[in-house]
Protein backbone atom coordinates (compact mmCIF):
# COMPACT_ATOMS: atom_id res chain seq x y z
CA MET A 1 -19.32 -19.27 -68.65
CA LYS A 2 -17.44 -18.77 -65.13
CA PRO A 3 -19.62 -17.59 -62.73
CA LYS A 4 -18.49 -14.07 -60.89
CA HIS A 5 -17.44 -14.09 -57.47
CA THR A 6 -19.06 -10.80 -56.13
CA VAL A 7 -16.64 -8.37 -53.57
CA SER A 8 -19.47 -9.40 -50.81
CA SER A 9 -18.03 -13.01 -50.66
CA TYR A 10 -14.45 -11.59 -50.32
CA VAL A 11 -15.52 -9.64 -47.48
CA LEU A 12 -17.18 -12.20 -45.88
CA LEU A 13 -14.10 -14.73 -46.03
CA VAL A 14 -11.77 -12.02 -44.95
CA GLY A 15 -14.11 -11.40 -41.90
CA LEU A 16 -14.32 -14.96 -40.68
CA MET A 17 -10.71 -15.34 -41.08
CA GLY A 18 -10.28 -12.35 -38.82
CA LEU A 19 -12.70 -13.78 -36.40
CA LEU A 20 -11.13 -16.95 -36.69
CA ILE A 21 -7.57 -15.55 -35.83
CA ALA A 22 -8.72 -13.21 -33.06
CA GLY A 23 -10.66 -16.00 -31.33
CA GLY A 24 -7.64 -17.97 -31.61
CA VAL A 25 -5.22 -15.25 -29.96
CA ILE A 26 -7.84 -14.53 -27.05
CA SER A 27 -8.41 -18.00 -26.33
CA TYR A 28 -4.63 -18.30 -25.89
CA GLN A 29 -4.17 -15.59 -24.00
CA ILE A 30 -7.03 -16.89 -21.60
CA TYR A 31 -5.26 -20.56 -21.69
CA SER A 32 -1.95 -19.06 -20.73
CA ALA A 33 -3.11 -16.67 -18.21
CA LEU A 34 -4.98 -20.00 -16.39
CA LEU A 35 -1.68 -21.87 -16.41
CA LYS A 36 0.48 -18.98 -15.31
CA SER A 37 1.42 -18.41 -11.40
CA GLN A 38 1.10 -15.09 -10.22
CA MET A 39 4.29 -15.63 -7.46
CA SER A 40 7.87 -15.21 -8.58
CA LYS A 41 10.48 -17.89 -7.71
CA GLU A 42 11.53 -16.10 -4.75
CA GLN A 43 7.93 -15.62 -3.37
CA LYS A 44 7.63 -19.23 -3.47
CA ILE A 45 10.56 -20.14 -1.45
CA ALA A 46 9.90 -17.28 0.96
CA ILE A 47 6.59 -18.63 2.08
CA ARG A 48 6.23 -20.98 4.75
CA PRO A 49 3.29 -23.20 5.76
CA LEU A 50 1.29 -22.12 8.67
CA GLU A 51 1.86 -23.72 11.92
CA GLY A 52 -1.50 -25.24 13.51
CA SER A 53 0.08 -25.16 16.75
CA ILE A 54 0.22 -22.39 19.51
CA ASP A 55 2.94 -22.03 21.95
CA VAL A 56 2.13 -22.25 25.42
CA LYS A 57 4.66 -19.63 26.65
CA VAL A 58 2.61 -17.16 24.27
CA LEU A 59 -0.81 -18.36 25.94
CA ASN A 60 0.90 -17.71 29.24
CA ASP A 61 2.28 -14.35 28.31
CA LEU A 62 -1.01 -13.16 27.09
CA ASN A 63 -2.98 -14.04 30.38
CA SER A 64 -0.26 -12.32 32.47
CA ARG A 65 -0.42 -9.01 30.76
CA ARG A 66 -1.57 -5.97 32.96
CA GLY A 67 -5.37 -4.90 32.18
CA PHE A 68 -5.96 -1.04 32.56
CA SER A 69 -9.20 0.54 34.07
CA ASP A 70 -11.44 2.86 32.11
CA ILE A 71 -10.36 5.35 34.45
CA GLU A 72 -6.86 4.77 33.46
CA LEU A 73 -7.58 4.53 29.57
CA ASP A 74 -9.72 7.93 30.24
CA ARG A 75 -6.69 9.94 31.50
CA LYS A 76 -5.55 12.45 28.88
CA LEU A 77 -1.59 11.73 28.30
CA PRO A 78 0.54 14.64 26.75
CA THR A 79 0.98 14.13 22.78
CA ASN A 80 4.01 15.17 21.15
CA LEU A 81 2.37 17.98 19.80
CA GLU A 82 1.94 19.71 23.41
CA ILE A 83 5.46 18.62 24.35
CA GLU A 84 6.59 20.56 21.10
CA SER A 85 4.35 23.64 21.77
CA SER A 86 5.26 23.96 25.40
CA SER A 87 8.95 24.01 24.63
CA ALA A 88 8.51 26.45 21.74
CA ALA A 89 6.81 28.60 24.23
CA LYS A 90 9.63 28.43 26.36
CA ILE A 91 12.03 29.30 23.79
CA VAL A 92 9.97 32.33 22.79
CA ALA A 93 9.73 33.62 26.62
CA GLU A 94 13.44 33.22 26.85
CA THR A 95 13.99 35.09 23.86
CA GLU A 96 11.86 37.90 24.95
CA THR A 97 13.74 38.46 28.41
CA THR A 98 16.80 38.67 26.94
CA PRO A 99 18.42 42.28 25.76
CA VAL A 100 18.94 42.35 22.08
CA ALA A 101 20.86 45.09 20.51
CA SER A 102 18.91 47.22 18.21
CA ILE A 103 19.57 47.47 14.68
CA SER A 104 19.83 51.20 14.66
CA GLY A 105 22.43 50.89 17.44
CA ALA A 106 24.37 48.25 15.92
CA ALA A 107 24.92 49.99 12.57
CA ARG A 108 26.02 53.46 13.89
């Protein structure tokens, strides 16, 4: 007599083969991601190594910079918004003082 294979043994075999294939694909993806560089060829060409030296001219320029006192820094300077609003107020004042023909008078 031949022994009968039950369905559960085939399910187990297909399940194990599926896990082996999925594990192989995932491990290959991890391996290829570790080897792959994140930089393109253009980026590798454009990157320059950092220089460890500082130019003396730059240090002299930094030492010769003008320092501002706290009083000078606290002084309020006009912003662009204040300049725009003051120019808009001038335009409104000019249009109010100039005579404008009335609409009813122009239509007659």
